[in-house]
Amino acid sequence: MATILSVSGSPSPTSRTTRLLRHLDDRLRLQGHDVTPLEVRTLPAQALLGADFRHPAIVEATALFERADGVVIGTPVYKAAYSGLLKSLLDLLPQYALTGKTVLPLATGGSTAHVLAIDYALRPVLSSMGAAHIVPGWFLLDKDITGGESGEGGGNGAPSIAPAAAEALERVTDHFSAALGGRTTVLARTA
């Protein structure tokens, strides 16, 4: 199946966005994909802020994008846009780093006032980077993602997602998987 890079643009080590992505990674693996997680916050701050294109960690992150068939981009929404941390990484990638790739944009936030951040802030950047296909993204309210830390949410580190949000998220994820040639019909609901 496809090689997928799952990128969390959250600066927080206890991020709901990251927990959500790791949950989706598991679903995508069950559908036959090879998924590599990347948490931008783990990259060296000096390299990101100093635009050090040649730093080994940035070179490796760039290579992960190159090898991927599909990319999941997850971000919390701050001030009606994707995170500055994610912006720092995207700025260091080659102009057309997403050429030929299928991309799934996801965002989390505290209010439905931020729901358009995917379409008006993130999607244009992903498009300008040459994405072949940007599937419909999804926005989840922070309150719809609970647990998943230190054994919460069932004890295995998996987050609990509100039923309506989980169902919609599964549809979006399965659409992305199908666009990459994944098995989507064999999975039952996971939430």
N, C-alpha and C. Protein backbone atom coordinates (compact mmCIF):
# COMPACT_ATOMS: atom_id res chain seq x y z
N MET A 1 0.83 -1.18 0.00
CA MET A 1 0.00 0.00 0.00
C MET A 1 0.87 1.25 0.00
N ALA A 2 0.30 2.34 0.40
CA ALA A 2 0.98 3.64 0.33
C ALA A 2 1.84 3.91 1.56
N THR A 3 2.81 4.77 1.35
CA THR A 3 3.63 5.29 2.43
C THR A 3 3.04 6.64 2.82
N ILE A 4 2.72 6.79 4.11
CA ILE A 4 2.06 8.01 4.60
C ILE A 4 2.93 8.66 5.66
N LEU A 5 3.08 9.97 5.55
CA LEU A 5 3.73 10.78 6.58
C LEU A 5 2.64 11.50 7.34
N SER A 6 2.61 11.31 8.66
CA SER A 6 1.58 11.91 9.51
C SER A 6 2.23 12.99 10.37
N VAL A 7 1.97 14.25 10.02
CA VAL A 7 2.67 15.39 10.60
C VAL A 7 1.81 16.14 11.60
N SER A 8 2.32 16.25 12.83
CA SER A 8 1.64 17.06 13.84
C SER A 8 2.36 18.40 13.96
N GLY A 9 1.62 19.47 13.74
CA GLY A 9 2.17 20.81 13.85
C GLY A 9 1.92 21.45 15.20
N SER A 10 1.61 20.65 16.21
CA SER A 10 1.33 21.20 17.53
C SER A 10 2.62 21.39 18.33
N PRO A 11 2.74 22.51 19.03
CA PRO A 11 3.91 22.72 19.88
C PRO A 11 3.80 22.05 21.25
N SER A 12 2.66 21.49 21.57
CA SER A 12 2.42 20.94 22.91
C SER A 12 2.77 19.45 23.01
N PRO A 13 3.47 19.06 24.07
CA PRO A 13 3.75 17.64 24.26
C PRO A 13 2.52 16.83 24.67
N THR A 14 1.46 17.48 25.11
CA THR A 14 0.21 16.80 25.48
C THR A 14 -0.92 17.17 24.52
N SER A 15 -0.58 17.38 23.30
CA SER A 15 -1.49 17.88 22.28
C SER A 15 -2.63 16.93 21.93
N ARG A 16 -3.83 17.47 21.87
CA ARG A 16 -4.97 16.70 21.37
C ARG A 16 -4.78 16.42 19.89
N THR A 17 -4.21 17.36 19.17
CA THR A 17 -3.96 17.18 17.73
C THR A 17 -3.08 15.97 17.50
N THR A 18 -1.99 15.89 18.25
CA THR A 18 -1.06 14.76 18.09
C THR A 18 -1.73 13.45 18.47
N ARG A 19 -2.47 13.44 19.58
CA ARG A 19 -3.18 12.21 19.99
C ARG A 19 -4.17 11.77 18.92
N LEU A 20 -4.85 12.73 18.33
CA LEU A 20 -5.79 12.43 17.25
C LEU A 20 -5.06 11.81 16.05
N LEU A 21 -3.95 12.41 15.68
CA LEU A 21 -3.20 11.88 14.54
C LEU A 21 -2.69 10.47 14.79
N ARG A 22 -2.18 10.22 15.99
CA ARG A 22 -1.68 8.87 16.29
C ARG A 22 -2.82 7.85 16.25
N HIS A 23 -4.02 8.28 16.64
CA HIS A 23 -5.21 7.43 16.54
C HIS A 23 -5.51 7.13 15.06
N LEU A 24 -5.44 8.14 14.22
CA LEU A 24 -5.69 7.94 12.78
C LEU A 24 -4.59 7.10 12.15
N ASP A 25 -3.35 7.26 12.62
CA ASP A 25 -2.24 6.45 12.11
C ASP A 25 -2.57 4.97 12.26
N ASP A 26 -3.11 4.60 13.43
CA ASP A 26 -3.46 3.20 13.68
C ASP A 26 -4.50 2.72 12.67
N ARG A 27 -5.50 3.53 12.41
CA ARG A 27 -6.54 3.15 11.45
C ARG A 27 -5.95 2.99 10.05
N LEU A 28 -5.07 3.90 9.67
CA LEU A 28 -4.45 3.81 8.35
C LEU A 28 -3.54 2.59 8.23
N ARG A 29 -2.87 2.22 9.31
CA ARG A 29 -2.04 1.00 9.29
C ARG A 29 -2.92 -0.23 9.10
N LEU A 30 -4.09 -0.26 9.78
CA LEU A 30 -5.01 -1.38 9.62
C LEU A 30 -5.51 -1.49 8.18
N GLN A 31 -5.48 -0.38 7.46
CA GLN A 31 -5.91 -0.37 6.07
C GLN A 31 -4.77 -0.71 5.12
N GLY A 32 -3.62 -1.08 5.69
CA GLY A 32 -2.51 -1.57 4.88
C GLY A 32 -1.43 -0.57 4.55
N HIS A 33 -1.49 0.61 5.11
CA HIS A 33 -0.50 1.64 4.80
C HIS A 33 0.69 1.59 5.76
N ASP A 34 1.82 2.07 5.27
CA ASP A 34 3.02 2.24 6.09
C ASP A 34 3.01 3.70 6.55
N VAL A 35 2.83 3.93 7.85
CA VAL A 35 2.67 5.28 8.39
C VAL A 35 3.87 5.67 9.24
N THR A 36 4.44 6.84 8.95
CA THR A 36 5.54 7.39 9.73
C THR A 36 5.05 8.67 10.41
N PRO A 37 5.09 8.72 11.75
CA PRO A 37 4.70 9.96 12.44
C PRO A 37 5.85 10.96 12.48
N LEU A 38 5.52 12.23 12.40
CA LEU A 38 6.49 13.31 12.55
C LEU A 38 5.86 14.39 13.40
N GLU A 39 6.46 14.64 14.56
CA GLU A 39 6.00 15.72 15.42
C GLU A 39 6.98 16.88 15.23
N VAL A 40 6.51 17.94 14.62
CA VAL A 40 7.38 19.07 14.29
C VAL A 40 8.05 19.62 15.55
N ARG A 41 7.38 19.56 16.69
CA ARG A 41 7.94 20.09 17.93
C ARG A 41 9.23 19.39 18.35
N THR A 42 9.48 18.19 17.81
CA THR A 42 10.70 17.46 18.17
C THR A 42 11.90 17.87 17.31
N LEU A 43 11.66 18.66 16.27
CA LEU A 43 12.77 19.15 15.45
C LEU A 43 13.47 20.28 16.18
N PRO A 44 14.76 20.47 15.97
CA PRO A 44 15.50 21.52 16.69
C PRO A 44 14.94 22.92 16.40
N ALA A 45 14.60 23.62 17.47
CA ALA A 45 14.04 24.97 17.33
C ALA A 45 14.99 25.90 16.57
N GLN A 46 16.27 25.81 16.86
CA GLN A 46 17.24 26.68 16.20
C GLN A 46 17.25 26.46 14.69
N ALA A 47 17.12 25.21 14.28
CA ALA A 47 17.09 24.90 12.85
C ALA A 47 15.81 25.45 12.20
N LEU A 48 14.68 25.29 12.90
CA LEU A 48 13.41 25.79 12.36
C LEU A 48 13.40 27.32 12.29
N LEU A 49 13.75 27.95 13.39
CA LEU A 49 13.68 29.42 13.45
C LEU A 49 14.80 30.10 12.68
N GLY A 50 15.94 29.42 12.57
CA GLY A 50 17.07 29.99 11.84
C GLY A 50 17.09 29.60 10.37
N ALA A 51 16.03 28.92 9.91
CA ALA A 51 15.92 28.48 8.51
C ALA A 51 17.17 27.75 8.05
N ASP A 52 17.61 26.78 8.87
CA ASP A 52 18.80 26.00 8.56
C ASP A 52 18.40 24.79 7.71
N PHE A 53 18.32 25.01 6.40
CA PHE A 53 17.91 23.98 5.47
C PHE A 53 18.83 22.76 5.50
N ARG A 54 20.09 22.97 5.90
CA ARG A 54 21.09 21.90 5.87
C ARG A 54 21.23 21.16 7.19
N HIS A 55 20.48 21.55 8.21
CA HIS A 55 20.54 20.84 9.48
C HIS A 55 20.10 19.39 9.24
N PRO A 56 20.81 18.40 9.80
CA PRO A 56 20.46 16.99 9.56
C PRO A 56 18.99 16.65 9.85
N ALA A 57 18.41 17.23 10.89
CA ALA A 57 17.00 16.94 11.21
C ALA A 57 16.06 17.50 10.15
N ILE A 58 16.39 18.64 9.60
CA ILE A 58 15.56 19.24 8.54
C ILE A 58 15.74 18.45 7.24
N VAL A 59 16.96 18.04 6.96
CA VAL A 59 17.23 17.21 5.78
C VAL A 59 16.43 15.90 5.87
N GLU A 60 16.42 15.28 7.06
CA GLU A 60 15.68 14.03 7.25
C GLU A 60 14.17 14.27 7.12
N ALA A 61 13.66 15.35 7.69
CA ALA A 61 12.23 15.66 7.57
C ALA A 61 11.86 15.86 6.10
N THR A 62 12.71 16.55 5.35
CA THR A 62 12.48 16.76 3.92
C THR A 62 12.44 15.43 3.19
N ALA A 63 13.33 14.53 3.55
CA ALA A 63 13.37 13.19 2.93
C ALA A 63 12.10 12.41 3.23
N LEU A 64 11.56 12.56 4.46
CA LEU A 64 10.30 11.88 4.79
C LEU A 64 9.17 12.36 3.87
N PHE A 65 9.13 13.65 3.61
CA PHE A 65 8.12 14.18 2.69
C PHE A 65 8.33 13.62 1.28
N GLU A 66 9.58 13.55 0.84
CA GLU A 66 9.88 13.04 -0.49
C GLU A 66 9.43 11.60 -0.67
N ARG A 67 9.63 10.78 0.36
CA ARG A 67 9.31 9.35 0.28
C ARG A 67 7.81 9.06 0.39
N ALA A 68 7.05 9.97 0.92
CA ALA A 68 5.63 9.73 1.18
C ALA A 68 4.78 9.80 -0.09
N ASP A 69 3.80 8.91 -0.16
CA ASP A 69 2.78 8.98 -1.21
C ASP A 69 1.65 9.89 -0.76
N GLY A 70 1.40 9.86 0.55
CA GLY A 70 0.34 10.68 1.13
C GLY A 70 0.84 11.34 2.39
N VAL A 71 0.26 12.50 2.70
CA VAL A 71 0.65 13.25 3.89
C VAL A 71 -0.60 13.68 4.63
N VAL A 72 -0.63 13.38 5.93
CA VAL A 72 -1.67 13.89 6.81
C VAL A 72 -1.03 15.06 7.55
N ILE A 73 -1.65 16.22 7.47
CA ILE A 73 -1.15 17.41 8.16
C ILE A 73 -2.16 17.78 9.23
N GLY A 74 -1.75 17.71 10.49
CA GLY A 74 -2.62 18.07 11.60
C GLY A 74 -2.08 19.27 12.34
N THR A 75 -2.98 20.17 12.69
CA THR A 75 -2.56 21.39 13.38
C THR A 75 -3.65 21.89 14.32
N PRO A 76 -3.23 22.44 15.45
CA PRO A 76 -4.20 23.21 16.22
C PRO A 76 -4.39 24.55 15.52
N VAL A 77 -5.53 25.16 15.76
CA VAL A 77 -5.79 26.48 15.15
C VAL A 77 -5.52 27.55 16.20
N TYR A 78 -4.66 28.48 15.82
CA TYR A 78 -4.36 29.65 16.65
C TYR A 78 -4.61 30.89 15.82
N LYS A 79 -5.36 31.85 16.35
CA LYS A 79 -5.61 33.11 15.64
C LYS A 79 -6.11 32.87 14.21
N ALA A 80 -7.03 31.91 14.07
CA ALA A 80 -7.70 31.60 12.81
C ALA A 80 -6.78 31.03 11.74
N ALA A 81 -5.64 30.46 12.13
CA ALA A 81 -4.72 29.88 11.16
C ALA A 81 -4.02 28.66 11.77
N TYR A 82 -3.28 27.96 10.94
CA TYR A 82 -2.51 26.81 11.42
C TYR A 82 -1.34 27.32 12.27
N SER A 83 -0.71 26.42 13.00
CA SER A 83 0.31 26.82 13.97
C SER A 83 1.55 27.41 13.30
N GLY A 84 2.19 28.32 14.01
CA GLY A 84 3.44 28.90 13.54
C GLY A 84 4.53 27.85 13.43
N LEU A 85 4.49 26.85 14.31
CA LEU A 85 5.46 25.77 14.25
C LEU A 85 5.35 25.02 12.92
N LEU A 86 4.12 24.70 12.51
CA LEU A 86 3.91 24.05 11.22
C LEU A 86 4.39 24.95 10.10
N LYS A 87 4.08 26.23 10.18
CA LYS A 87 4.52 27.19 9.16
C LYS A 87 6.04 27.19 9.03
N SER A 88 6.75 27.12 10.18
CA SER A 88 8.21 27.10 10.14
C SER A 88 8.74 25.91 9.34
N LEU A 89 8.14 24.74 9.55
CA LEU A 89 8.57 23.57 8.79
C LEU A 89 8.22 23.69 7.32
N LEU A 90 6.98 24.07 7.02
CA LEU A 90 6.57 24.19 5.62
C LEU A 90 7.45 25.17 4.87
N ASP A 91 7.89 26.23 5.54
CA ASP A 91 8.77 27.22 4.90
C ASP A 91 10.14 26.64 4.56
N LEU A 92 10.58 25.62 5.27
CA LEU A 92 11.89 25.02 5.02
C LEU A 92 11.86 23.92 3.96
N LEU A 93 10.69 23.44 3.63
CA LEU A 93 10.58 22.41 2.60
C LEU A 93 10.74 23.03 1.22
N PRO A 94 11.16 22.23 0.25
CA PRO A 94 11.22 22.74 -1.13
C PRO A 94 9.85 23.25 -1.58
N GLN A 95 9.84 24.21 -2.48
CA GLN A 95 8.60 24.84 -2.94
C GLN A 95 7.55 23.82 -3.35
N TYR A 96 7.95 22.77 -4.03
CA TYR A 96 6.98 21.79 -4.52
C TYR A 96 7.13 20.44 -3.81
N ALA A 97 7.31 20.49 -2.51
CA ALA A 97 7.52 19.28 -1.71
C ALA A 97 6.33 18.33 -1.72
N LEU A 98 5.15 18.82 -2.08
CA LEU A 98 3.95 17.96 -2.07
C LEU A 98 3.53 17.53 -3.47
N THR A 99 4.36 17.78 -4.46
CA THR A 99 4.03 17.41 -5.84
C THR A 99 3.76 15.92 -5.94
N GLY A 100 2.62 15.59 -6.52
CA GLY A 100 2.24 14.20 -6.72
C GLY A 100 1.69 13.50 -5.50
N LYS A 101 1.50 14.21 -4.41
CA LYS A 101 1.06 13.60 -3.16
C LYS A 101 -0.42 13.88 -2.89
N THR A 102 -1.04 12.95 -2.20
CA THR A 102 -2.40 13.13 -1.70
C THR A 102 -2.28 13.62 -0.27
N VAL A 103 -3.03 14.66 0.08
CA VAL A 103 -2.90 15.29 1.38
C VAL A 103 -4.25 15.35 2.09
N LEU A 104 -4.21 15.02 3.39
CA LEU A 104 -5.39 15.13 4.25
C LEU A 104 -5.09 16.19 5.31
N PRO A 105 -5.74 17.36 5.24
CA PRO A 105 -5.56 18.37 6.28
C PRO A 105 -6.56 18.19 7.42
N LEU A 106 -6.05 18.27 8.65
CA LEU A 106 -6.90 18.17 9.84
C LEU A 106 -6.56 19.32 10.77
N ALA A 107 -7.57 19.79 11.50
CA ALA A 107 -7.32 20.86 12.47
C ALA A 107 -8.16 20.63 13.71
N THR A 108 -7.65 21.12 14.83
CA THR A 108 -8.38 21.09 16.09
C THR A 108 -8.43 22.50 16.64
N GLY A 109 -9.46 22.79 17.39
CA GLY A 109 -9.57 24.12 17.98
C GLY A 109 -10.67 24.17 19.02
N GLY A 110 -10.68 25.25 19.75
CA GLY A 110 -11.62 25.40 20.86
C GLY A 110 -12.98 25.91 20.48
N SER A 111 -13.15 26.37 19.25
CA SER A 111 -14.41 26.98 18.85
C SER A 111 -14.70 26.72 17.38
N THR A 112 -15.98 26.60 17.04
CA THR A 112 -16.35 26.43 15.63
C THR A 112 -16.05 27.68 14.81
N ALA A 113 -15.69 28.76 15.48
CA ALA A 113 -15.29 29.97 14.75
C ALA A 113 -14.04 29.73 13.91
N HIS A 114 -13.29 28.66 14.23
CA HIS A 114 -12.05 28.37 13.51
C HIS A 114 -12.21 27.31 12.43
N VAL A 115 -13.41 26.87 12.17
CA VAL A 115 -13.64 25.76 11.26
C VAL A 115 -13.13 26.04 9.84
N LEU A 116 -13.10 27.27 9.41
CA LEU A 116 -12.67 27.59 8.06
C LEU A 116 -11.16 27.72 7.92
N ALA A 117 -10.42 27.54 9.00
CA ALA A 117 -8.96 27.67 8.94
C ALA A 117 -8.35 26.67 7.95
N ILE A 118 -8.93 25.51 7.83
CA ILE A 118 -8.40 24.53 6.87
C ILE A 118 -8.51 25.07 5.45
N ASP A 119 -9.70 25.54 5.08
CA ASP A 119 -9.91 25.97 3.70
C ASP A 119 -9.30 27.32 3.36
N TYR A 120 -9.24 28.22 4.33
CA TYR A 120 -8.76 29.56 4.01
C TYR A 120 -7.32 29.84 4.41
N ALA A 121 -6.75 29.02 5.29
CA ALA A 121 -5.36 29.24 5.70
C ALA A 121 -4.45 28.10 5.25
N LEU A 122 -4.83 26.86 5.53
CA LEU A 122 -3.94 25.73 5.26
C LEU A 122 -4.01 25.23 3.82
N ARG A 123 -5.20 25.03 3.30
CA ARG A 123 -5.35 24.46 1.95
C ARG A 123 -4.60 25.28 0.87
N PRO A 124 -4.64 26.61 0.89
CA PRO A 124 -3.89 27.35 -0.15
C PRO A 124 -2.38 27.09 -0.09
N VAL A 125 -1.82 26.95 1.10
CA VAL A 125 -0.39 26.67 1.22
C VAL A 125 -0.08 25.28 0.68
N LEU A 126 -0.90 24.30 1.05
CA LEU A 126 -0.68 22.93 0.57
C LEU A 126 -0.80 22.87 -0.95
N SER A 127 -1.75 23.59 -1.49
CA SER A 127 -1.92 23.65 -2.93
C SER A 127 -0.71 24.30 -3.61
N SER A 128 -0.21 25.37 -3.02
CA SER A 128 0.95 26.06 -3.62
C SER A 128 2.20 25.20 -3.59
N MET A 129 2.21 24.18 -2.72
CA MET A 129 3.35 23.28 -2.63
C MET A 129 3.21 22.09 -3.58
N GLY A 130 2.20 22.13 -4.44
CA GLY A 130 2.07 21.16 -5.52
C GLY A 130 1.29 19.90 -5.22
N ALA A 131 0.54 19.86 -4.13
CA ALA A 131 -0.22 18.65 -3.81
C ALA A 131 -1.08 18.23 -5.00
N ALA A 132 -1.01 16.96 -5.35
CA ALA A 132 -1.78 16.44 -6.47
C ALA A 132 -3.27 16.40 -6.15
N HIS A 133 -3.57 16.04 -4.90
CA HIS A 133 -4.96 15.89 -4.49
C HIS A 133 -5.06 16.21 -3.00
N ILE A 134 -5.81 17.22 -2.66
CA ILE A 134 -6.07 17.53 -1.25
C ILE A 134 -7.50 17.08 -0.98
N VAL A 135 -7.62 15.98 -0.23
CA VAL A 135 -8.95 15.46 0.06
C VAL A 135 -9.64 16.40 1.05
N PRO A 136 -10.96 16.31 1.15
CA PRO A 136 -11.65 17.15 2.12
C PRO A 136 -11.08 16.93 3.53
N GLY A 137 -10.73 18.02 4.17
CA GLY A 137 -10.17 17.95 5.52
C GLY A 137 -11.25 17.92 6.57
N TRP A 138 -10.81 17.97 7.83
CA TRP A 138 -11.78 17.94 8.90
C TRP A 138 -11.29 18.76 10.08
N PHE A 139 -12.23 19.42 10.75
CA PHE A 139 -11.96 20.22 11.95
C PHE A 139 -12.67 19.55 13.12
N LEU A 140 -11.95 19.36 14.22
CA LEU A 140 -12.54 18.79 15.43
C LEU A 140 -12.40 19.77 16.57
N LEU A 141 -13.46 19.87 17.35
CA LEU A 141 -13.39 20.69 18.56
C LEU A 141 -12.54 19.97 19.60
N ASP A 142 -11.74 20.74 20.32
CA ASP A 142 -10.91 20.17 21.38
C ASP A 142 -11.73 19.34 22.36
N LYS A 143 -12.93 19.82 22.69
CA LYS A 143 -13.77 19.13 23.68
C LYS A 143 -14.22 17.75 23.20
N ASP A 144 -14.12 17.49 21.89
CA ASP A 144 -14.52 16.19 21.35
C ASP A 144 -13.40 15.15 21.43
N ILE A 145 -12.22 15.56 21.90
CA ILE A 145 -11.08 14.65 22.03
C ILE A 145 -10.68 14.63 23.50
N THR A 146 -10.85 13.48 24.13
CA THR A 146 -10.50 13.37 25.56
C THR A 146 -9.61 12.15 25.76
N GLY A 147 -8.94 12.11 26.89
CA GLY A 147 -8.10 10.97 27.23
C GLY A 147 -6.90 10.85 26.31
N GLY A 148 -6.30 9.68 26.35
CA GLY A 148 -5.17 9.41 25.48
C GLY A 148 -3.82 9.73 26.09
N GLU A 149 -3.80 10.30 27.28
CA GLU A 149 -2.54 10.61 27.95
C GLU A 149 -2.36 9.68 29.13
N SER A 150 -1.17 9.23 29.33
CA SER A 150 -0.80 8.47 30.53
C SER A 150 -1.85 7.45 30.95
N GLY A 151 -2.33 6.69 29.97
CA GLY A 151 -3.28 5.64 30.30
C GLY A 151 -4.73 6.06 30.33
N GLU A 152 -5.04 7.33 30.08
CA GLU A 152 -6.44 7.75 30.02
C GLU A 152 -7.07 7.20 28.75
N GLY A 153 -8.39 7.29 28.65
CA GLY A 153 -9.08 6.89 27.42
C GLY A 153 -9.00 5.39 27.17
N GLY A 154 -9.20 4.59 28.19
CA GLY A 154 -9.20 3.15 28.02
C GLY A 154 -7.90 2.50 28.47
N GLY A 155 -6.95 3.28 28.98
CA GLY A 155 -5.75 2.71 29.52
C GLY A 155 -4.66 2.43 28.52
N ASN A 156 -4.91 2.56 27.23
CA ASN A 156 -3.89 2.23 26.25
C ASN A 156 -3.32 3.46 25.54
N GLY A 157 -3.63 4.63 26.03
CA GLY A 157 -3.12 5.85 25.41
C GLY A 157 -3.95 6.31 24.22
N ALA A 158 -5.00 5.58 23.87
CA ALA A 158 -5.85 5.98 22.74
C ALA A 158 -6.84 7.03 23.21
N PRO A 159 -7.02 8.07 22.40
CA PRO A 159 -7.99 9.10 22.81
C PRO A 159 -9.42 8.60 22.62
N SER A 160 -10.31 9.22 23.34
CA SER A 160 -11.72 8.99 23.17
C SER A 160 -12.26 10.17 22.36
N ILE A 161 -12.96 9.85 21.30
CA ILE A 161 -13.49 10.90 20.41
C ILE A 161 -15.01 10.82 20.46
N ALA A 162 -15.65 11.97 20.61
CA ALA A 162 -17.11 12.02 20.67
C ALA A 162 -17.69 11.27 19.46
N PRO A 163 -18.77 10.49 19.67
CA PRO A 163 -19.29 9.62 18.62
C PRO A 163 -19.55 10.29 17.26
N ALA A 164 -20.21 11.43 17.24
CA ALA A 164 -20.50 12.09 15.96
C ALA A 164 -19.21 12.52 15.28
N ALA A 165 -18.27 13.04 16.06
CA ALA A 165 -16.98 13.46 15.50
C ALA A 165 -16.19 12.26 15.01
N ALA A 166 -16.24 11.15 15.75
CA ALA A 166 -15.50 9.95 15.37
C ALA A 166 -16.01 9.39 14.05
N GLU A 167 -17.32 9.37 13.90
CA GLU A 167 -17.90 8.85 12.67
C GLU A 167 -17.49 9.69 11.47
N ALA A 168 -17.56 11.00 11.60
CA ALA A 168 -17.16 11.88 10.50
C ALA A 168 -15.66 11.75 10.20
N LEU A 169 -14.87 11.65 11.24
CA LEU A 169 -13.43 11.52 11.08
C LEU A 169 -13.07 10.21 10.38
N GLU A 170 -13.76 9.14 10.71
CA GLU A 170 -13.52 7.86 10.04
C GLU A 170 -13.85 7.96 8.56
N ARG A 171 -14.93 8.64 8.21
CA ARG A 171 -15.28 8.81 6.79
C ARG A 171 -14.19 9.58 6.04
N VAL A 172 -13.70 10.66 6.66
CA VAL A 172 -12.66 11.47 6.03
C VAL A 172 -11.37 10.66 5.88
N THR A 173 -11.01 9.93 6.93
CA THR A 173 -9.80 9.12 6.90
C THR A 173 -9.92 8.01 5.86
N ASP A 174 -11.08 7.37 5.80
CA ASP A 174 -11.28 6.31 4.83
C ASP A 174 -11.25 6.84 3.39
N HIS A 175 -11.76 8.04 3.19
CA HIS A 175 -11.70 8.66 1.86
C HIS A 175 -10.24 8.89 1.46
N PHE A 176 -9.44 9.39 2.38
CA PHE A 176 -8.01 9.59 2.14
C PHE A 176 -7.33 8.25 1.83
N SER A 177 -7.63 7.24 2.63
CA SER A 177 -7.06 5.92 2.43
C SER A 177 -7.43 5.36 1.05
N ALA A 178 -8.70 5.49 0.69
CA ALA A 178 -9.16 5.00 -0.60
C ALA A 178 -8.45 5.72 -1.75
N ALA A 179 -8.22 7.02 -1.57
CA ALA A 179 -7.50 7.78 -2.61
C ALA A 179 -6.08 7.26 -2.79
N LEU A 180 -5.54 6.63 -1.75
CA LEU A 180 -4.19 6.06 -1.81
C LEU A 180 -4.20 4.56 -2.11
N GLY A 181 -5.39 3.99 -2.28
CA GLY A 181 -5.49 2.56 -2.58
C GLY A 181 -5.56 1.67 -1.37
N GLY A 182 -6.07 2.19 -0.25
CA GLY A 182 -6.15 1.41 0.99
C GLY A 182 -7.42 0.58 1.09
N ARG A 183 -7.41 -0.39 2.01
CA ARG A 183 -8.59 -1.21 2.29
C ARG A 183 -9.45 -0.47 3.30
N THR A 184 -10.63 -0.09 2.92
CA THR A 184 -11.49 0.62 3.87
C THR A 184 -12.73 -0.17 4.23
N THR A 185 -13.08 -1.17 3.47
CA THR A 185 -14.32 -1.89 3.72
C THR A 185 -14.22 -2.93 4.83
N VAL A 186 -13.01 -3.28 5.26
CA VAL A 186 -12.85 -4.33 6.26
C VAL A 186 -12.85 -3.82 7.69
N LEU A 187 -12.91 -2.52 7.88
CA LEU A 187 -12.81 -1.96 9.23
C LEU A 187 -14.18 -1.64 9.83
N ALA A 188 -14.31 -2.01 11.06
CA ALA A 188 -15.50 -1.63 11.83
C ALA A 188 -15.19 -0.33 12.54
N ARG A 189 -16.19 0.28 13.10
CA ARG A 189 -15.97 1.53 13.86
C ARG A 189 -15.00 1.28 14.97
N THR A 190 -14.06 2.24 15.17
CA THR A 190 -13.06 2.10 16.21
C THR A 190 -13.32 2.98 17.42
N ALA A 191 -14.30 3.86 17.37
CA ALA A 191 -14.52 4.78 18.48
C ALA A 191 -15.55 4.29 19.44
